C-alpha atoms as a PDB file:
ATOM      1  CA  MET A   1      -5.128 -25.743  65.351  1.00  0.00           C
ATOM      2  CA  ARG A   2      -2.666 -26.776  62.644  1.00  0.00           C
ATOM      3  CA  SER A   3      -5.602 -28.147  60.645  1.00  0.00           C
ATOM      4  CA  LEU A   4      -7.443 -24.826  60.968  1.00  0.00           C
ATOM      5  CA  ILE A   5      -4.358 -22.847  59.937  1.00  0.00           C
ATOM      6  CA  THR A   6      -3.904 -25.125  56.942  1.00  0.00           C
ATOM      7  CA  LYS A   7      -7.524 -24.605  55.893  1.00  0.00           C
ATOM      8  CA  VAL A   8      -7.248 -20.829  56.280  1.00  0.00           C
ATOM      9  CA  ALA A   9      -4.024 -20.770  54.267  1.00  0.00           C
ATOM     10  CA  ALA A  10      -5.632 -22.844  51.544  1.00  0.00           C
ATOM     11  CA  ALA A  11      -8.635 -20.510  51.454  1.00  0.00           C
ATOM     12  CA  VAL A  12      -6.391 -17.447  51.203  1.00  0.00           C
ATOM     13  CA  ALA A  13      -4.386 -19.079  48.417  1.00  0.00           C
ATOM     14  CA  ALA A  14      -7.570 -19.883  46.540  1.00  0.00           C
ATOM     15  CA  LEU A  15      -8.754 -16.287  46.924  1.00  0.00           C
ATOM     16  CA  VAL A  16      -5.444 -14.972  45.594  1.00  0.00           C
ATOM     17  CA  VAL A  17      -5.716 -17.244  42.543  1.00  0.00           C
ATOM     18  CA  PHE A  18      -9.300 -16.100  41.965  1.00  0.00           C
ATOM     19  CA  LEU A  19      -8.449 -12.398  42.239  1.00  0.00           C
ATOM     20  CA  SER A  20      -5.402 -12.876  40.003  1.00  0.00           C
ATOM     21  CA  ALA A  21      -7.606 -14.485  37.371  1.00  0.00           C
ATOM     22  CA  LEU A  22      -9.929 -11.497  37.503  1.00  0.00           C
ATOM     23  CA  LEU A  23      -7.014  -9.154  36.953  1.00  0.00           C
ATOM     24  CA  ILE A  24      -5.576 -11.197  34.078  1.00  0.00           C
ATOM     25  CA  GLN A  25      -8.863 -11.733  32.243  1.00  0.00           C
ATOM     26  CA  GLU A  26      -9.544  -8.091  31.469  1.00  0.00           C
ATOM     27  CA  PRO A  27     -12.439  -7.670  29.046  1.00  0.00           C
ATOM     28  CA  GLY A  28     -12.407  -5.419  26.040  1.00  0.00           C
ATOM     29  CA  MET A  29     -10.997  -4.983  22.573  1.00  0.00           C
ATOM     30  CA  LEU A  30      -7.729  -3.755  21.097  1.00  0.00           C
ATOM     31  CA  ILE A  31      -8.534  -0.306  19.725  1.00  0.00           C
ATOM     32  CA  GLY A  32      -6.301   1.063  17.001  1.00  0.00           C
ATOM     33  CA  VAL A  33      -6.108   3.879  14.494  1.00  0.00           C
ATOM     34  CA  TYR A  34      -4.777   4.762  11.061  1.00  0.00           C
ATOM     35  CA  GLN A  35      -3.292   8.234  10.650  1.00  0.00           C
ATOM     36  CA  PRO A  36      -2.624   9.563   7.128  1.00  0.00           C
ATOM     37  CA  ASN A  37       1.107  10.196   7.568  1.00  0.00           C
ATOM     38  CA  SER A  38       1.899   6.766   9.023  1.00  0.00           C
ATOM     39  CA  PRO A  39       4.569   5.394   8.969  1.00  0.00           C
ATOM     40  CA  GLY A  40       6.160   8.846   8.848  1.00  0.00           C
ATOM     41  CA  SER A  41       6.222  11.232  11.788  1.00  0.00           C
ATOM     42  CA  TYR A  42       4.655   9.865  14.969  1.00  0.00           C
ATOM     43  CA  GLY A  43       3.224  13.308  15.733  1.00  0.00           C
ATOM     44  CA  GLN A  44      -0.259  12.634  14.316  1.00  0.00           C
ATOM     45  CA  VAL A  45      -0.589   9.486  16.400  1.00  0.00           C
ATOM     46  CA  THR A  46       0.518  11.312  19.540  1.00  0.00           C
ATOM     47  CA  ALA A  47      -1.876  14.210  18.937  1.00  0.00           C
ATOM     48  CA  PHE A  48      -4.789  11.867  18.209  1.00  0.00           C
ATOM     49  CA  ALA A  49      -4.072   9.784  21.318  1.00  0.00           C
ATOM     50  CA  ALA A  50      -3.957  12.896  23.490  1.00  0.00           C
ATOM     51  CA  GLN A  51      -7.259  14.210  22.161  1.00  0.00           C
ATOM     52  CA  ALA A  52      -8.986  10.822  22.278  1.00  0.00           C
ATOM     53  CA  GLY A  53      -7.664  10.106  25.768  1.00  0.00           C
ATOM     54  CA  PHE A  54      -6.207   6.645  25.184  1.00  0.00           C
ATOM     55  CA  SER A  55      -3.135   4.832  23.876  1.00  0.00           C
ATOM     56  CA  PRO A  56      -3.827   3.039  20.578  1.00  0.00           C
ATOM     57  CA  ARG A  57      -2.986  -0.676  20.668  1.00  0.00           C
ATOM     58  CA  ILE A  58      -2.806  -1.138  16.888  1.00  0.00           C
ATOM     59  CA  LEU A  59      -1.371   1.337  14.363  1.00  0.00           C
ATOM     60  CA  SER A  60      -1.982   0.521  10.722  1.00  0.00           C
ATOM     61  CA  TYR A  61      -0.071   1.694   7.683  1.00  0.00           C
ATOM     62  CA  TYR A  62      -0.121   0.920   3.960  1.00  0.00           C
ATOM     63  CA  SER A  63       2.864  -0.393   2.046  1.00  0.00           C
ATOM     64  CA  THR A  64       3.485  -1.213  -1.608  1.00  0.00           C
ATOM     65  CA  PHE A  65       5.674  -4.051  -2.897  1.00  0.00           C
ATOM     66  CA  THR A  66       8.512  -1.609  -3.466  1.00  0.00           C
ATOM     67  CA  GLN A  67       8.824  -0.327   0.096  1.00  0.00           C
ATOM     68  CA  PRO A  68      10.888  -1.845   2.925  1.00  0.00           C
ATOM     69  CA  PHE A  69       9.407  -2.776   6.281  1.00  0.00           C
ATOM     70  CA  ALA A  70       8.950   0.334   8.456  1.00  0.00           C
ATOM     71  CA  SER A  71      11.196  -0.817  11.308  1.00  0.00           C
ATOM     72  CA  ALA A  72      11.510   2.597  12.968  1.00  0.00           C
ATOM     73  CA  PHE A  73       7.735   3.039  13.039  1.00  0.00           C
ATOM     74  CA  ALA A  74       7.260  -0.459  14.474  1.00  0.00           C
ATOM     75  CA  THR A  75       9.832   0.250  17.186  1.00  0.00           C
ATOM     76  CA  GLU A  76       8.237   3.557  18.139  1.00  0.00           C
ATOM     77  CA  ALA A  77       4.814   1.929  18.181  1.00  0.00           C
ATOM     78  CA  ALA A  78       6.079  -0.846  20.470  1.00  0.00           C
ATOM     79  CA  SER A  79       7.624   1.709  22.834  1.00  0.00           C
ATOM     80  CA  ASN A  80       4.153   3.237  23.132  1.00  0.00           C
ATOM     81  CA  GLY A  81       2.379  -0.077  23.779  1.00  0.00           C
ATOM     82  CA  ALA A  82       1.141  -0.660  20.230  1.00  0.00           C
ATOM     83  CA  THR A  83       1.781  -3.054  17.367  1.00  0.00           C
ATOM     84  CA  VAL A  84       1.794  -2.149  13.685  1.00  0.00           C
ATOM     85  CA  LEU A  85      -0.649  -3.527  11.140  1.00  0.00           C
ATOM     86  CA  VAL A  86       0.937  -3.594   7.685  1.00  0.00           C
ATOM     87  CA  GLN A  87      -1.657  -3.420   4.916  1.00  0.00           C
ATOM     88  CA  TRP A  88       0.649  -4.856   2.250  1.00  0.00           C
ATOM     89  CA  GLN A  89      -0.664  -3.868  -1.170  1.00  0.00           C
ATOM     90  CA  PRO A  90       0.657  -5.507  -4.370  1.00  0.00           C
ATOM     91  CA  ARG A  91       1.148  -2.204  -6.169  1.00  0.00           C
ATOM     92  CA  GLY A  92       3.885  -2.533  -8.768  1.00  0.00           C
ATOM     93  CA  THR A  93       3.282  -6.269  -9.085  1.00  0.00           C
ATOM     94  CA  THR A  94       0.413  -8.757  -9.305  1.00  0.00           C
ATOM     95  CA  SER A  95      -0.819 -11.728  -7.326  1.00  0.00           C
ATOM     96  CA  ALA A  96       0.122 -13.973 -10.244  1.00  0.00           C
ATOM     97  CA  ALA A  97       3.692 -12.629 -10.241  1.00  0.00           C
ATOM     98  CA  ILE A  98       4.004 -13.063  -6.485  1.00  0.00           C
ATOM     99  CA  ALA A  99       2.691 -16.623  -6.648  1.00  0.00           C
ATOM    100  CA  SER A 100       5.168 -17.444  -9.442  1.00  0.00           C
ATOM    101  CA  GLY A 101       8.140 -16.363  -7.323  1.00  0.00           C
ATOM    102  CA  ALA A 102       8.936 -13.160  -9.235  1.00  0.00           C
ATOM    103  CA  ASP A 103       9.033 -11.113  -6.024  1.00  0.00           C
ATOM    104  CA  ASP A 104      10.745 -13.674  -3.796  1.00  0.00           C
ATOM    105  CA  ALA A 105      13.928 -11.660  -3.208  1.00  0.00           C
ATOM    106  CA  TYR A 106      11.936  -8.677  -1.974  1.00  0.00           C
ATOM    107  CA  ILE A 107       9.629 -10.807   0.200  1.00  0.00           C
ATOM    108  CA  HIS A 108      12.588 -12.614   1.795  1.00  0.00           C
ATOM    109  CA  LYS A 109      14.207  -9.258   2.606  1.00  0.00           C
ATOM    110  CA  PHE A 110      10.960  -7.931   4.086  1.00  0.00           C
ATOM    111  CA  ALA A 111      10.574 -11.096   6.185  1.00  0.00           C
ATOM    112  CA  GLN A 112      14.138 -10.822   7.478  1.00  0.00           C
ATOM    113  CA  ALA A 113      13.518  -7.202   8.481  1.00  0.00           C
ATOM    114  CA  VAL A 114      10.344  -8.135  10.368  1.00  0.00           C
ATOM    115  CA  LEU A 115      12.165 -10.942  12.179  1.00  0.00           C
ATOM    116  CA  SER A 116      15.173  -8.815  13.118  1.00  0.00           C
ATOM    117  CA  ASP A 117      12.913  -6.029  14.348  1.00  0.00           C
ATOM    118  CA  ASN A 118      11.767  -8.431  17.086  1.00  0.00           C
ATOM    119  CA  TRP A 119       8.354  -6.797  17.658  1.00  0.00           C
ATOM    120  CA  GLN A 120       5.026  -8.454  17.028  1.00  0.00           C
ATOM    121  CA  VAL A 121       3.596  -7.366  13.666  1.00  0.00           C
ATOM    122  CA  ILE A 122       0.212  -7.878  12.019  1.00  0.00           C
ATOM    123  CA  ILE A 123       0.401  -8.326   8.241  1.00  0.00           C
ATOM    124  CA  SER A 124      -2.460  -8.319   5.755  1.00  0.00           C
ATOM    125  CA  TYR A 125      -1.848  -9.059   2.080  1.00  0.00           C
ATOM    126  CA  GLY A 126      -4.082  -7.378  -0.523  1.00  0.00           C
ATOM    127  CA  GLN A 127      -6.895  -6.060   1.658  1.00  0.00           C
ATOM    128  CA  GLU A 128     -10.439  -5.768   0.263  1.00  0.00           C
ATOM    129  CA  MET A 129      -9.610  -8.320  -2.401  1.00  0.00           C
ATOM    130  CA  ASN A 130     -13.322  -9.089  -2.838  1.00  0.00           C
ATOM    131  CA  GLY A 131     -13.910  -5.610  -4.266  1.00  0.00           C
ATOM    132  CA  ASN A 132     -13.109  -4.280  -7.732  1.00  0.00           C
ATOM    133  CA  TRP A 133     -11.683  -0.857  -6.749  1.00  0.00           C
ATOM    134  CA  TYR A 134      -8.102  -2.080  -6.276  1.00  0.00           C
ATOM    135  CA  SER A 135      -6.000  -3.528  -9.092  1.00  0.00           C
ATOM    136  CA  TRP A 136      -5.553  -6.816  -7.186  1.00  0.00           C
ATOM    137  CA  GLY A 137      -9.255  -7.179  -6.377  1.00  0.00           C
ATOM    138  CA  MET A 138     -11.760  -9.365  -8.156  1.00  0.00           C
ATOM    139  CA  GLY A 139     -12.558  -7.478 -11.345  1.00  0.00           C
ATOM    140  CA  GLY A 140      -9.511  -5.251 -10.801  1.00  0.00           C
ATOM    141  CA  THR A 141      -7.161  -4.122 -13.541  1.00  0.00           C
ATOM    142  CA  ASP A 142      -4.461  -6.783 -13.029  1.00  0.00           C
ATOM    143  CA  GLY A 143      -6.834  -9.644 -13.778  1.00  0.00           C
ATOM    144  CA  SER A 144      -6.414 -11.426 -10.438  1.00  0.00           C
ATOM    145  CA  SER A 145      -8.577 -14.444  -9.803  1.00  0.00           C
ATOM    146  CA  ALA A 146      -9.500 -16.029  -6.505  1.00  0.00           C
ATOM    147  CA  ALA A 147      -6.961 -18.770  -7.228  1.00  0.00           C
ATOM    148  CA  THR A 148      -4.077 -16.372  -7.914  1.00  0.00           C
ATOM    149  CA  TYR A 149      -4.905 -14.250  -4.860  1.00  0.00           C
ATOM    150  CA  ILE A 150      -4.938 -17.315  -2.576  1.00  0.00           C
ATOM    151  CA  ALA A 151      -1.729 -18.643  -4.142  1.00  0.00           C
ATOM    152  CA  ALA A 152       0.027 -15.303  -3.577  1.00  0.00           C
ATOM    153  CA  TYR A 153      -1.136 -15.076   0.038  1.00  0.00           C
ATOM    154  CA  ARG A 154       0.020 -18.627   0.802  1.00  0.00           C
ATOM    155  CA  HIS A 155       3.335 -18.054  -1.001  1.00  0.00           C
ATOM    156  CA  ILE A 156       4.101 -15.001   1.138  1.00  0.00           C
ATOM    157  CA  VAL A 157       3.289 -16.831   4.365  1.00  0.00           C
ATOM    158  CA  SER A 158       5.428 -19.783   3.275  1.00  0.00           C
ATOM    159  CA  ILE A 159       8.442 -17.535   2.663  1.00  0.00           C
ATOM    160  CA  PHE A 160       8.095 -15.992   6.113  1.00  0.00           C
ATOM    161  CA  ARG A 161       8.006 -19.492   7.577  1.00  0.00           C
ATOM    162  CA  GLU A 162      11.125 -20.440   5.626  1.00  0.00           C
ATOM    163  CA  GLU A 163      12.845 -17.443   7.201  1.00  0.00           C
ATOM    164  CA  GLY A 164      11.781 -18.593  10.672  1.00  0.00           C
ATOM    165  CA  VAL A 165       9.605 -15.524  11.288  1.00  0.00           C
ATOM    166  CA  ASN A 166       7.489 -16.175  14.368  1.00  0.00           C
ATOM    167  CA  ASN A 167       6.443 -12.637  15.306  1.00  0.00           C
ATOM    168  CA  VAL A 168       3.699 -12.129  12.703  1.00  0.00           C
ATOM    169  CA  THR A 169      -0.060 -12.369  13.124  1.00  0.00           C
ATOM    170  CA  TRP A 170      -1.434 -13.039   9.632  1.00  0.00           C
ATOM    171  CA  LEU A 171      -4.605 -11.098   8.868  1.00  0.00           C
ATOM    172  CA  TRP A 172      -6.942 -11.853   5.956  1.00  0.00           C
ATOM    173  CA  ASP A 173      -8.933  -8.670   5.425  1.00  0.00           C
ATOM    174  CA  PRO A 174     -11.809  -8.489   2.908  1.00  0.00           C
ATOM    175  CA  ASN A 175     -14.334  -5.699   2.568  1.00  0.00           C
ATOM    176  CA  VAL A 176     -17.795  -6.402   3.937  1.00  0.00           C
ATOM    177  CA  SER A 177     -19.813  -8.311   1.358  1.00  0.00           C
ATOM    178  CA  TYR A 178     -22.060  -6.293  -0.937  1.00  0.00           C
ATOM    179  CA  GLY A 179     -24.395  -6.992  -3.830  1.00  0.00           C
ATOM    180  CA  GLY A 180     -22.519  -8.796  -6.580  1.00  0.00           C
ATOM    181  CA  SER A 181     -19.332  -9.433  -4.600  1.00  0.00           C
ATOM    182  CA  PRO A 182     -17.878 -12.959  -4.569  1.00  0.00           C
ATOM    183  CA  LYS A 183     -18.480 -15.253  -1.631  1.00  0.00           C
ATOM    184  CA  LEU A 184     -15.849 -14.691   1.022  1.00  0.00           C
ATOM    185  CA  SER A 185     -15.158 -18.405   1.306  1.00  0.00           C
ATOM    186  CA  THR A 186     -13.911 -18.498  -2.315  1.00  0.00           C
ATOM    187  CA  LEU A 187     -11.063 -16.098  -1.431  1.00  0.00           C
ATOM    188  CA  TYR A 188     -10.038 -17.564   1.917  1.00  0.00           C
ATOM    189  CA  PRO A 189      -6.443 -18.889   2.038  1.00  0.00           C
ATOM    190  CA  GLY A 190      -7.339 -21.395   4.773  1.00  0.00           C
ATOM    191  CA  ASP A 191      -6.943 -21.624   8.536  1.00  0.00           C
ATOM    192  CA  ALA A 192      -3.401 -22.959   8.155  1.00  0.00           C
ATOM    193  CA  TYR A 193      -2.353 -19.580   6.681  1.00  0.00           C
ATOM    194  CA  VAL A 194      -4.552 -17.142   8.619  1.00  0.00           C
ATOM    195  CA  ASP A 195      -4.425 -16.091  12.289  1.00  0.00           C
ATOM    196  CA  TRP A 196      -7.122 -13.389  12.239  1.00  0.00           C
ATOM    197  CA  VAL A 197      -9.889 -12.517   9.804  1.00  0.00           C
ATOM    198  CA  GLY A 198     -10.665  -8.871   9.195  1.00  0.00           C
ATOM    199  CA  LEU A 199     -13.571  -6.865   7.843  1.00  0.00           C
ATOM    200  CA  ASP A 200     -13.501  -3.356   6.389  1.00  0.00           C
ATOM    201  CA  GLY A 201     -16.715  -1.362   6.384  1.00  0.00           C
ATOM    202  CA  TYR A 202     -17.741   2.299   6.618  1.00  0.00           C
ATOM    203  CA  TYR A 203     -20.840   4.062   7.911  1.00  0.00           C
ATOM    204  CA  SER A 204     -21.398   5.988   4.692  1.00  0.00           C
ATOM    205  CA  THR A 205     -25.027   6.969   5.349  1.00  0.00           C
ATOM    206  CA  PRO A 206     -26.854   8.133   8.500  1.00  0.00           C
ATOM    207  CA  ALA A 207     -29.021   4.998   8.365  1.00  0.00           C
ATOM    208  CA  THR A 208     -26.088   2.553   8.416  1.00  0.00           C
ATOM    209  CA  THR A 209     -25.899   0.291  11.479  1.00  0.00           C
ATOM    210  CA  PHE A 210     -23.585  -2.503  12.581  1.00  0.00           C
ATOM    211  CA  THR A 211     -26.371  -4.947  11.789  1.00  0.00           C
ATOM    212  CA  THR A 212     -26.763  -3.736   8.210  1.00  0.00           C
ATOM    213  CA  LEU A 213     -23.057  -3.157   7.557  1.00  0.00           C
ATOM    214  CA  PHE A 214     -21.154  -5.940   9.323  1.00  0.00           C
ATOM    215  CA  THR A 215     -23.506  -8.639  10.595  1.00  0.00           C
ATOM    216  CA  PRO A 216     -24.178 -10.378   7.245  1.00  0.00           C
ATOM    217  CA  SER A 217     -20.433 -10.705   6.606  1.00  0.00           C
ATOM    218  CA  VAL A 218     -19.702 -11.870  10.163  1.00  0.00           C
ATOM    219  CA  THR A 219     -22.368 -14.534   9.698  1.00  0.00           C
ATOM    220  CA  GLU A 220     -20.815 -15.504   6.365  1.00  0.00           C
ATOM    221  CA  LEU A 221     -17.323 -15.748   7.871  1.00  0.00           C
ATOM    222  CA  ARG A 222     -18.514 -18.042  10.614  1.00  0.00           C
ATOM    223  CA  THR A 223     -19.694 -20.603   8.085  1.00  0.00           C
ATOM    224  CA  PHE A 224     -16.081 -21.448   7.193  1.00  0.00           C
ATOM    225  CA  THR A 225     -13.737 -20.188   9.936  1.00  0.00           C
ATOM    226  CA  SER A 226     -13.709 -19.516  13.667  1.00  0.00           C
ATOM    227  CA  LYS A 227     -10.528 -17.410  13.546  1.00  0.00           C
ATOM    228  CA  PRO A 228     -10.568 -14.219  15.677  1.00  0.00           C
ATOM    229  CA  LEU A 229     -12.248 -11.223  14.043  1.00  0.00           C
ATOM    230  CA  LEU A 230     -10.726  -7.745  13.682  1.00  0.00           C
ATOM    231  CA  ILE A 231     -12.690  -4.767  12.382  1.00  0.00           C
ATOM    232  CA  ALA A 232      -9.635  -3.643  10.412  1.00  0.00           C
ATOM    233  CA  GLU A 233     -11.042  -0.458   8.869  1.00  0.00           C
ATOM    234  CA  SER A 234     -14.086   1.566   9.794  1.00  0.00           C
ATOM    235  CA  GLY A 235     -15.192   5.170  10.115  1.00  0.00           C
ATOM    236  CA  VAL A 236     -18.228   7.383  10.699  1.00  0.00           C
ATOM    237  CA  THR A 237     -19.085  10.912   9.671  1.00  0.00           C
ATOM    238  CA  GLY A 238     -21.795  13.521  10.121  1.00  0.00           C
ATOM    239  CA  THR A 239     -24.441  14.070  12.746  1.00  0.00           C
ATOM    240  CA  ALA A 240     -25.288  10.356  13.042  1.00  0.00           C
ATOM    241  CA  GLY A 241     -21.686   9.647  14.036  1.00  0.00           C
ATOM    242  CA  PRO A 242     -22.021   9.470  17.838  1.00  0.00           C
ATOM    243  CA  GLY A 243     -24.738   6.838  17.703  1.00  0.00           C
ATOM    244  CA  GLN A 244     -22.956   4.934  14.963  1.00  0.00           C
ATOM    245  CA  LEU A 245     -19.721   4.852  16.962  1.00  0.00           C
ATOM    246  CA  GLU A 246     -21.538   3.415  19.944  1.00  0.00           C
ATOM    247  CA  GLY A 247     -23.140   0.876  17.620  1.00  0.00           C
ATOM    248  CA  LEU A 248     -19.788  -0.004  16.036  1.00  0.00           C
ATOM    249  CA  PHE A 249     -18.163  -0.746  19.382  1.00  0.00           C
ATOM    250  CA  ALA A 250     -21.186  -2.507  20.867  1.00  0.00           C
ATOM    251  CA  GLY A 251     -21.711  -4.591  17.729  1.00  0.00           C
ATOM    252  CA  ALA A 252     -18.055  -5.559  17.464  1.00  0.00           C
ATOM    253  CA  SER A 253     -18.021  -6.549  21.117  1.00  0.00           C
ATOM    254  CA  LEU A 254     -21.131  -8.701  20.725  1.00  0.00           C
ATOM    255  CA  ALA A 255     -19.569 -10.290  17.624  1.00  0.00           C
ATOM    256  CA  GLY A 256     -16.555 -11.280  19.735  1.00  0.00           C
ATOM    257  CA  ALA A 257     -14.107  -9.063  17.821  1.00  0.00           C
ATOM    258  CA  VAL A 258     -10.571  -8.790  19.171  1.00  0.00           C
ATOM    259  CA  GLY A 259     -10.384  -5.163  18.128  1.00  0.00           C
ATOM    260  CA  ILE A 260     -11.294  -2.185  15.957  1.00  0.00           C
ATOM    261  CA  VAL A 261      -8.976  -0.015  13.858  1.00  0.00           C
ATOM    262  CA  TYR A 262     -10.437   3.433  13.198  1.00  0.00           C
ATOM    263  CA  PHE A 263      -9.627   5.001   9.814  1.00  0.00           C
ATOM    264  CA  ASP A 264      -8.980   8.624  10.790  1.00  0.00           C
ATOM    265  CA  GLN A 265      -8.640  10.295   7.402  1.00  0.00           C
ATOM    266  CA  ALA A 266     -10.550  12.671   5.153  1.00  0.00           C
ATOM    267  CA  GLN A 267     -10.842  10.996   1.743  1.00  0.00           C
ATOM    268  CA  SER A 268     -11.427  13.763  -0.780  1.00  0.00           C
ATOM    269  CA  GLY A 269     -10.538  11.357  -3.567  1.00  0.00           C
ATOM    270  CA  ASP A 270     -12.826   8.598  -2.356  1.00  0.00           C
ATOM    271  CA  PRO A 271     -16.021   7.974  -4.393  1.00  0.00           C
ATOM    272  CA  MET A 272     -18.067   8.729  -1.237  1.00  0.00           C
ATOM    273  CA  HIS A 273     -16.008  11.895  -0.476  1.00  0.00           C
ATOM    274  CA  GLN A 274     -16.244  11.190   3.228  1.00  0.00           C
ATOM    275  CA  ASP A 275     -14.415  12.871   6.082  1.00  0.00           C
ATOM    276  CA  TRP A 276     -13.842  10.118   8.622  1.00  0.00           C
ATOM    277  CA  ARG A 277     -11.612  12.231  10.877  1.00  0.00           C
ATOM    278  CA  LEU A 278     -12.707  12.639  14.483  1.00  0.00           C
ATOM    279  CA  GLU A 279     -10.561  15.659  15.391  1.00  0.00           C
ATOM    280  CA  ASP A 280     -12.787  18.129  13.529  1.00  0.00           C
ATOM    281  CA  ASN A 281     -16.027  16.718  14.978  1.00  0.00           C
ATOM    282  CA  PRO A 282     -16.225  17.199  18.779  1.00  0.00           C
ATOM    283  CA  ALA A 283     -19.393  15.128  19.155  1.00  0.00           C
ATOM    284  CA  ASN A 284     -17.906  12.177  17.291  1.00  0.00           C
ATOM    285  CA  MET A 285     -14.620  12.437  19.190  1.00  0.00           C
ATOM    286  CA  ALA A 286     -16.478  12.480  22.510  1.00  0.00           C
ATOM    287  CA  ALA A 287     -18.472   9.396  21.491  1.00  0.00           C
ATOM    288  CA  PHE A 288     -15.305   7.611  20.356  1.00  0.00           C
ATOM    289  CA  THR A 289     -13.536   8.421  23.632  1.00  0.00           C
ATOM    290  CA  ALA A 290     -16.492   7.147  25.668  1.00  0.00           C
ATOM    291  CA  ALA A 291     -16.672   3.960  23.596  1.00  0.00           C
ATOM    292  CA  VAL A 292     -12.944   3.294  24.020  1.00  0.00           C
ATOM    293  CA  GLN A 293     -13.255   3.668  27.777  1.00  0.00           C
ATOM    294  CA  GLN A 294     -16.198   1.266  27.833  1.00  0.00           C
ATOM    295  CA  TYR A 295     -15.034  -1.383  25.382  1.00  0.00           C
ATOM    296  CA  GLY A 296     -11.283  -0.994  24.872  1.00  0.00           C
ATOM    297  CA  VAL A 297      -9.426  -2.023  27.997  1.00  0.00           C
ATOM    298  CA  ARG A 298      -7.738  -5.217  26.817  1.00  0.00           C
ATOM    299  CA  PRO A 299      -3.921  -5.226  27.086  1.00  0.00           C
ATOM    300  CA  LEU A 300      -1.751  -6.705  24.364  1.00  0.00           C
ATOM    301  CA  THR A 301      -0.296 -10.132  25.079  1.00  0.00           C
ATOM    302  CA  TRP A 302       2.272 -11.682  22.725  1.00  0.00           C
ATOM    303  CA  THR A 303       2.279 -15.440  22.292  1.00  0.00           C
ATOM    304  CA  GLY A 304       5.084 -15.906  19.787  1.00  0.00           C
ATOM    305  CA  SER A 305       4.118 -17.878  16.733  1.00  0.00           C
ATOM    306  CA  ALA A 306       0.539 -18.117  18.000  1.00  0.00           C
ATOM    307  CA  GLY A 307       0.172 -14.383  17.427  1.00  0.00           C
ATOM    308  CA  ILE A 308      -1.673 -11.884  19.614  1.00  0.00           C
ATOM    309  CA  THR A 309      -4.177 -12.562  22.339  1.00  0.00           C
ATOM    310  CA  GLY A 310      -5.788 -10.377  24.921  1.00  0.00           C
END
């Protein structure tokens, strides 16, 4: 009898472990959003979340090299189950200046603020550096080269490490490759300095698909790094939007992406003059909501210096 009881107990214990594993290993991606007034009032985020029917897990914002870390925004995001993604743009400086140490005092202060804030933060330096539309990009107005961009990125990470910052996930975030753009590998700071790799890409025509927009760059990335992939900026517009949103989520999932950050802004000043907002397009919002429910159920898990997992 004791032997039977022991076997039953062991079987029950094994079942509990199995069921616990199922609960812990939730599938899905971390779905985030950018709202135009971030990191200002949290009202736009709240309104978007209510309409979309989910709680964003990543909230991105854009910062120049003259602005302090948005601690209050990061704290409010954390209280709502999200982490901030800082798209840190070298406006007011250059990659060469950063690499030379000219901005060290500011970077040290920023690092100290991130550390004292005590929330996990995702930081990307100089996003879309493979394009020529930003001053720091290749062919941009500040004359940055691949070497100076990489040196600046590594210098920033090194300062954060000197400050003992262990609550940052470092994102390297190029635009999807396009005709005439440099090879992504020539701009990569290296696995020792990068936790996640990002890709920015927009569905600017009704014929655009995940395969045509993202797949070539995902394939290119995988020739030199296996770091987790984040679709760090994307958006759809127009009547093709519902199908493109489904394709974005399905394609990202098949590519093994850890998440998607939706760029929810109307860009009247953008060369494509696109309105990426979902709130004024019920069909697109409905498709986004359905896609989040299907693909975006992964909870955030912090792992200290190892960054974010799910």
